């Protein structure tokens, strides 16, 4: 009887340990750990740029991605494209208006599994005080204490009031832009 009681106790404890839900690990994202880029077309010529300053936190468990969340903050004044005229205009009122809106924020509400290491990060993107729901398709790979996320998000810049006044139409700068994410967060 003692042996049966001992076996049941061990079986119960083992069952509880195996059924305990896993919890999301937390990672910290900091500038310099990858690239947060953007792309567009100006007067028919493609250009690329990136944001030099960004940070954020990511809470993610691949076993329960729907419970994950993230908040990424981008310093809009850190945008560079390698073209001095464009780089001088981007912080201005017509484009990012960094005096009034120094940061853009991507608040991820959850991650939807698409199979394997692919996910949709669903959340709200706020640029120039305009918030819109967006879905960022990502691949997420975890290795030790590093989470690597890579994805591409197409946007229409005018939906966020980026490019106003003479730039409001796609005549000189296309309305369609891309945001490219290739970053590594640390922690876990």
C-alpha atoms as a PDB file:
ATOM      1  CA  UNK A   1       0.000   0.000   0.000  1.00  0.00           C
ATOM      2  CA  UNK A   2       2.878   2.369   0.856  1.00  0.00           C
ATOM      3  CA  UNK A   3       4.438   1.619  -2.533  1.00  0.00           C
ATOM      4  CA  UNK A   4       1.167   2.404  -4.327  1.00  0.00           C
ATOM      5  CA  UNK A   5       0.775   5.658  -2.345  1.00  0.00           C
ATOM      6  CA  UNK A   6       4.372   6.654  -3.132  1.00  0.00           C
ATOM      7  CA  UNK A   7       3.873   5.819  -6.825  1.00  0.00           C
ATOM      8  CA  UNK A   8       0.670   7.891  -6.974  1.00  0.00           C
ATOM      9  CA  UNK A   9       2.411  10.841  -5.258  1.00  0.00           C
ATOM     10  CA  UNK A  10       5.315  10.745  -7.736  1.00  0.00           C
ATOM     11  CA  UNK A  11       2.895  10.327 -10.650  1.00  0.00           C
ATOM     12  CA  UNK A  12       0.816  13.292  -9.450  1.00  0.00           C
ATOM     13  CA  UNK A  13       3.852  15.554  -9.012  1.00  0.00           C
ATOM     14  CA  UNK A  14       5.239  14.508 -12.413  1.00  0.00           C
ATOM     15  CA  UNK A  15       1.855  15.175 -14.008  1.00  0.00           C
ATOM     16  CA  UNK A  16       1.676  18.627 -12.450  1.00  0.00           C
ATOM     17  CA  UNK A  17       5.180  19.484 -13.632  1.00  0.00           C
ATOM     18  CA  UNK A  18       4.461  18.322 -17.156  1.00  0.00           C
ATOM     19  CA  UNK A  19       1.136  20.144 -17.334  1.00  0.00           C
ATOM     20  CA  UNK A  20       2.465  23.432 -15.947  1.00  0.00           C
ATOM     21  CA  UNK A  21       2.075  26.012 -18.696  1.00  0.00           C
ATOM     22  CA  UNK A  22       5.203  27.547 -20.102  1.00  0.00           C
ATOM     23  CA  UNK A  23       5.573  31.256 -19.718  1.00  0.00           C
ATOM     24  CA  UNK A  24       6.775  33.714 -22.268  1.00  0.00           C
ATOM     25  CA  UNK A  25      10.376  34.762 -22.059  1.00  0.00           C
ATOM     26  CA  UNK A  26      11.201  38.457 -22.158  1.00  0.00           C
ATOM     27  CA  UNK A  27      13.728  39.974 -24.526  1.00  0.00           C
ATOM     28  CA  UNK A  28      15.093  43.488 -24.826  1.00  0.00           C
ATOM     29  CA  UNK A  29      15.673  45.104 -28.192  1.00  0.00           C
ATOM     30  CA  UNK A  30      18.270  47.864 -28.487  1.00  0.00           C
ATOM     31  CA  UNK A  31      19.697  49.940 -31.329  1.00  0.00           C
ATOM     32  CA  UNK A  32      22.600  48.334 -33.113  1.00  0.00           C
ATOM     33  CA  UNK A  33      21.255  44.776 -32.846  1.00  0.00           C
ATOM     34  CA  UNK A  34      20.179  44.528 -36.458  1.00  0.00           C
ATOM     35  CA  UNK A  35      18.419  46.801 -38.891  1.00  0.00           C
ATOM     36  CA  UNK A  36      15.095  48.558 -38.780  1.00  0.00           C
ATOM     37  CA  UNK A  37      14.838  49.838 -42.326  1.00  0.00           C
ATOM     38  CA  UNK A  38      12.470  51.448 -44.774  1.00  0.00           C
ATOM     39  CA  UNK A  39      12.264  51.737 -48.539  1.00  0.00           C
ATOM     40  CA  UNK A  40      10.412  53.801 -51.090  1.00  0.00           C
ATOM     41  CA  UNK A  41      10.548  55.378 -54.520  1.00  0.00           C
ATOM     42  CA  UNK A  42      11.299  59.042 -55.251  1.00  0.00           C
ATOM     43  CA  UNK A  43      10.994  60.403 -58.801  1.00  0.00           C
ATOM     44  CA  UNK A  44      10.961  56.834 -60.083  1.00  0.00           C
ATOM     45  CA  UNK A  45      14.148  55.779 -58.284  1.00  0.00           C
ATOM     46  CA  UNK A  46      14.162  53.326 -55.390  1.00  0.00           C
ATOM     47  CA  UNK A  47      15.807  54.330 -52.131  1.00  0.00           C
ATOM     48  CA  UNK A  48      16.511  52.583 -48.825  1.00  0.00           C
ATOM     49  CA  UNK A  49      17.017  53.955 -45.365  1.00  0.00           C
ATOM     50  CA  UNK A  50      17.118  52.893 -41.759  1.00  0.00           C
ATOM     51  CA  UNK A  51      16.415  54.118 -38.257  1.00  0.00           C
ATOM     52  CA  UNK A  52      19.571  54.302 -36.170  1.00  0.00           C
ATOM     53  CA  UNK A  53      17.802  54.443 -32.801  1.00  0.00           C
ATOM     54  CA  UNK A  54      15.074  52.136 -31.533  1.00  0.00           C
ATOM     55  CA  UNK A  55      14.354  50.026 -28.479  1.00  0.00           C
ATOM     56  CA  UNK A  56      11.713  47.783 -27.086  1.00  0.00           C
ATOM     57  CA  UNK A  57      10.625  44.743 -25.178  1.00  0.00           C
ATOM     58  CA  UNK A  58       9.283  41.469 -26.522  1.00  0.00           C
ATOM     59  CA  UNK A  59       7.470  38.803 -24.531  1.00  0.00           C
ATOM     60  CA  UNK A  60       7.187  35.619 -26.584  1.00  0.00           C
ATOM     61  CA  UNK A  61       6.734  31.890 -26.108  1.00  0.00           C
ATOM     62  CA  UNK A  62       6.613  29.811 -29.321  1.00  0.00           C
ATOM     63  CA  UNK A  63       4.387  27.268 -27.513  1.00  0.00           C
ATOM     64  CA  UNK A  64       1.836  30.030 -26.782  1.00  0.00           C
ATOM     65  CA  UNK A  65       2.448  32.852 -29.283  1.00  0.00           C
ATOM     66  CA  UNK A  66      -1.045  34.272 -28.810  1.00  0.00           C
ATOM     67  CA  UNK A  67      -0.070  35.274 -25.259  1.00  0.00           C
ATOM     68  CA  UNK A  68       2.923  37.265 -26.500  1.00  0.00           C
ATOM     69  CA  UNK A  69       3.227  41.009 -26.807  1.00  0.00           C
ATOM     70  CA  UNK A  70       5.830  43.594 -27.706  1.00  0.00           C
ATOM     71  CA  UNK A  71       6.380  47.330 -27.704  1.00  0.00           C
ATOM     72  CA  UNK A  72       8.934  48.812 -30.077  1.00  0.00           C
ATOM     73  CA  UNK A  73       9.719  52.547 -30.026  1.00  0.00           C
ATOM     74  CA  UNK A  74      11.509  54.170 -32.977  1.00  0.00           C
ATOM     75  CA  UNK A  75      13.347  57.502 -32.777  1.00  0.00           C
ATOM     76  CA  UNK A  76      12.085  59.158 -35.966  1.00  0.00           C
ATOM     77  CA  UNK A  77      14.915  61.733 -35.989  1.00  0.00           C
ATOM     78  CA  UNK A  78      17.370  58.856 -36.477  1.00  0.00           C
ATOM     79  CA  UNK A  79      16.161  58.144 -40.045  1.00  0.00           C
ATOM     80  CA  UNK A  80      18.907  58.198 -42.657  1.00  0.00           C
ATOM     81  CA  UNK A  81      18.977  57.340 -46.356  1.00  0.00           C
ATOM     82  CA  UNK A  82      22.437  58.461 -47.398  1.00  0.00           C
ATOM     83  CA  UNK A  83      21.025  61.389 -49.398  1.00  0.00           C
ATOM     84  CA  UNK A  84      21.659  64.717 -47.631  1.00  0.00           C
ATOM     85  CA  UNK A  85      18.668  66.509 -49.174  1.00  0.00           C
ATOM     86  CA  UNK A  86      16.243  63.694 -48.291  1.00  0.00           C
ATOM     87  CA  UNK A  87      17.790  63.231 -44.829  1.00  0.00           C
ATOM     88  CA  UNK A  88      17.406  66.956 -44.168  1.00  0.00           C
ATOM     89  CA  UNK A  89      13.728  66.892 -45.171  1.00  0.00           C
ATOM     90  CA  UNK A  90      12.616  63.746 -43.300  1.00  0.00           C
ATOM     91  CA  UNK A  91      12.590  65.275 -39.772  1.00  0.00           C
ATOM     92  CA  UNK A  92      10.568  68.281 -41.021  1.00  0.00           C
ATOM     93  CA  UNK A  93       6.878  69.083 -40.641  1.00  0.00           C
ATOM     94  CA  UNK A  94       5.890  67.674 -44.052  1.00  0.00           C
ATOM     95  CA  UNK A  95       7.409  64.266 -43.355  1.00  0.00           C
ATOM     96  CA  UNK A  96       8.040  62.869 -39.848  1.00  0.00           C
ATOM     97  CA  UNK A  97       7.552  66.168 -37.941  1.00  0.00           C
ATOM     98  CA  UNK A  98       9.923  65.012 -35.207  1.00  0.00           C
ATOM     99  CA  UNK A  99       9.429  68.160 -33.113  1.00  0.00           C
ATOM    100  CA  UNK A 100       5.781  67.244 -32.545  1.00  0.00           C
ATOM    101  CA  UNK A 101       6.117  63.449 -32.928  1.00  0.00           C
ATOM    102  CA  UNK A 102       9.617  62.311 -31.952  1.00  0.00           C
ATOM    103  CA  UNK A 103       8.741  58.605 -31.814  1.00  0.00           C
ATOM    104  CA  UNK A 104       6.770  55.985 -33.663  1.00  0.00           C
ATOM    105  CA  UNK A 105       5.490  53.002 -31.683  1.00  0.00           C
ATOM    106  CA  UNK A 106       4.546  49.474 -32.688  1.00  0.00           C
ATOM    107  CA  UNK A 107       2.447  47.809 -29.964  1.00  0.00           C
ATOM    108  CA  UNK A 108       2.038  44.096 -30.667  1.00  0.00           C
ATOM    109  CA  UNK A 109      -1.051  42.568 -29.034  1.00  0.00           C
ATOM    110  CA  UNK A 110      -0.288  38.960 -29.973  1.00  0.00           C
ATOM    111  CA  UNK A 111       1.534  36.689 -32.355  1.00  0.00           C
ATOM    112  CA  UNK A 112      -0.375  34.271 -34.576  1.00  0.00           C
ATOM    113  CA  UNK A 113       1.443  31.094 -35.576  1.00  0.00           C
ATOM    114  CA  UNK A 114       1.577  30.482 -39.316  1.00  0.00           C
ATOM    115  CA  UNK A 115       3.480  27.204 -38.939  1.00  0.00           C
ATOM    116  CA  UNK A 116       7.146  26.492 -38.281  1.00  0.00           C
ATOM    117  CA  UNK A 117       8.983  29.662 -37.321  1.00  0.00           C
ATOM    118  CA  UNK A 118       6.587  32.038 -39.120  1.00  0.00           C
ATOM    119  CA  UNK A 119       4.192  34.328 -37.278  1.00  0.00           C
ATOM    120  CA  UNK A 120       1.991  37.353 -37.769  1.00  0.00           C
ATOM    121  CA  UNK A 121       2.673  40.096 -35.227  1.00  0.00           C
ATOM    122  CA  UNK A 122      -0.698  41.806 -34.861  1.00  0.00           C
ATOM    123  CA  UNK A 123      -0.884  45.201 -33.260  1.00  0.00           C
ATOM    124  CA  UNK A 124      -1.097  48.946 -33.629  1.00  0.00           C
ATOM    125  CA  UNK A 125       1.417  51.165 -35.385  1.00  0.00           C
ATOM    126  CA  UNK A 126       1.441  54.832 -34.395  1.00  0.00           C
ATOM    127  CA  UNK A 127       3.262  57.368 -36.571  1.00  0.00           C
ATOM    128  CA  UNK A 128       2.728  61.149 -36.293  1.00  0.00           C
ATOM    129  CA  UNK A 129      -0.073  60.566 -33.790  1.00  0.00           C
ATOM    130  CA  UNK A 130      -2.024  58.363 -36.210  1.00  0.00           C
ATOM    131  CA  UNK A 131      -2.675  54.812 -34.982  1.00  0.00           C
ATOM    132  CA  UNK A 132      -3.607  52.009 -37.374  1.00  0.00           C
ATOM    133  CA  UNK A 133      -3.942  48.239 -36.928  1.00  0.00           C
ATOM    134  CA  UNK A 134      -1.212  46.373 -38.816  1.00  0.00           C
ATOM    135  CA  UNK A 135      -0.020  42.805 -39.231  1.00  0.00           C
ATOM    136  CA  UNK A 136       3.711  42.264 -39.603  1.00  0.00           C
ATOM    137  CA  UNK A 137       4.603  38.831 -41.041  1.00  0.00           C
ATOM    138  CA  UNK A 138       7.761  37.577 -39.298  1.00  0.00           C
ATOM    139  CA  UNK A 139      10.092  34.689 -38.948  1.00  0.00           C
ATOM    140  CA  UNK A 140      11.218  34.267 -35.360  1.00  0.00           C
ATOM    141  CA  UNK A 141      14.164  32.113 -34.385  1.00  0.00           C
ATOM    142  CA  UNK A 142      15.286  31.617 -30.801  1.00  0.00           C
ATOM    143  CA  UNK A 143      18.815  30.513 -30.014  1.00  0.00           C
ATOM    144  CA  UNK A 144      19.838  30.522 -26.366  1.00  0.00           C
ATOM    145  CA  UNK A 145      19.185  33.996 -25.012  1.00  0.00           C
ATOM    146  CA  UNK A 146      18.676  35.613 -28.427  1.00  0.00           C
ATOM    147  CA  UNK A 147      15.465  36.109 -30.390  1.00  0.00           C
ATOM    148  CA  UNK A 148      15.960  36.955 -34.074  1.00  0.00           C
ATOM    149  CA  UNK A 149      12.987  38.483 -35.911  1.00  0.00           C
ATOM    150  CA  UNK A 150      12.864  39.224 -39.624  1.00  0.00           C
ATOM    151  CA  UNK A 151       9.973  40.567 -41.678  1.00  0.00           C
ATOM    152  CA  UNK A 152       8.586  43.075 -44.156  1.00  0.00           C
ATOM    153  CA  UNK A 153       5.549  45.336 -43.764  1.00  0.00           C
ATOM    154  CA  UNK A 154       4.141  47.289 -46.738  1.00  0.00           C
ATOM    155  CA  UNK A 155       2.495  50.588 -45.764  1.00  0.00           C
ATOM    156  CA  UNK A 156       0.813  53.529 -47.440  1.00  0.00           C
ATOM    157  CA  UNK A 157       2.599  56.559 -45.985  1.00  0.00           C
ATOM    158  CA  UNK A 158      -0.337  58.935 -46.459  1.00  0.00           C
ATOM    159  CA  UNK A 159      -2.419  56.801 -44.053  1.00  0.00           C
ATOM    160  CA  UNK A 160      -0.069  58.098 -41.323  1.00  0.00           C
ATOM    161  CA  UNK A 161       0.143  61.696 -42.657  1.00  0.00           C
ATOM    162  CA  UNK A 162       3.746  61.126 -43.725  1.00  0.00           C
ATOM    163  CA  UNK A 163       4.343  63.423 -46.691  1.00  0.00           C
ATOM    164  CA  UNK A 164       1.827  66.261 -46.489  1.00  0.00           C
ATOM    165  CA  UNK A 165       1.410  69.488 -48.450  1.00  0.00           C
ATOM    166  CA  UNK A 166       3.086  69.173 -51.851  1.00  0.00           C
ATOM    167  CA  UNK A 167       4.088  65.586 -50.970  1.00  0.00           C
ATOM    168  CA  UNK A 168       0.566  64.338 -50.193  1.00  0.00           C
ATOM    169  CA  UNK A 169       0.193  62.581 -53.546  1.00  0.00           C
ATOM    170  CA  UNK A 170       2.467  60.004 -55.091  1.00  0.00           C
ATOM    171  CA  UNK A 171       3.595  62.381 -57.847  1.00  0.00           C
ATOM    172  CA  UNK A 172       7.154  62.777 -56.521  1.00  0.00           C
ATOM    173  CA  UNK A 173       7.421  60.182 -53.765  1.00  0.00           C
ATOM    174  CA  UNK A 174       5.399  56.971 -54.045  1.00  0.00           C
ATOM    175  CA  UNK A 175       2.710  56.466 -51.434  1.00  0.00           C
ATOM    176  CA  UNK A 176       3.727  52.830 -50.961  1.00  0.00           C
ATOM    177  CA  UNK A 177       6.670  52.297 -48.621  1.00  0.00           C
ATOM    178  CA  UNK A 178       8.139  49.236 -46.976  1.00  0.00           C
ATOM    179  CA  UNK A 179       9.342  48.667 -43.438  1.00  0.00           C
ATOM    180  CA  UNK A 180      12.003  45.980 -43.080  1.00  0.00           C
ATOM    181  CA  UNK A 181      12.784  44.348 -39.756  1.00  0.00           C
ATOM    182  CA  UNK A 182      15.910  42.250 -39.186  1.00  0.00           C
ATOM    183  CA  UNK A 183      16.715  42.542 -35.485  1.00  0.00           C
ATOM    184  CA  UNK A 184      17.967  40.456 -32.582  1.00  0.00           C
ATOM    185  CA  UNK A 185      16.659  40.940 -29.051  1.00  0.00           C
ATOM    186  CA  UNK A 186      18.498  39.613 -26.015  1.00  0.00           C
ATOM    187  CA  UNK A 187      17.386  38.208 -22.700  1.00  0.00           C
ATOM    188  CA  UNK A 188      15.167  35.169 -22.548  1.00  0.00           C
END
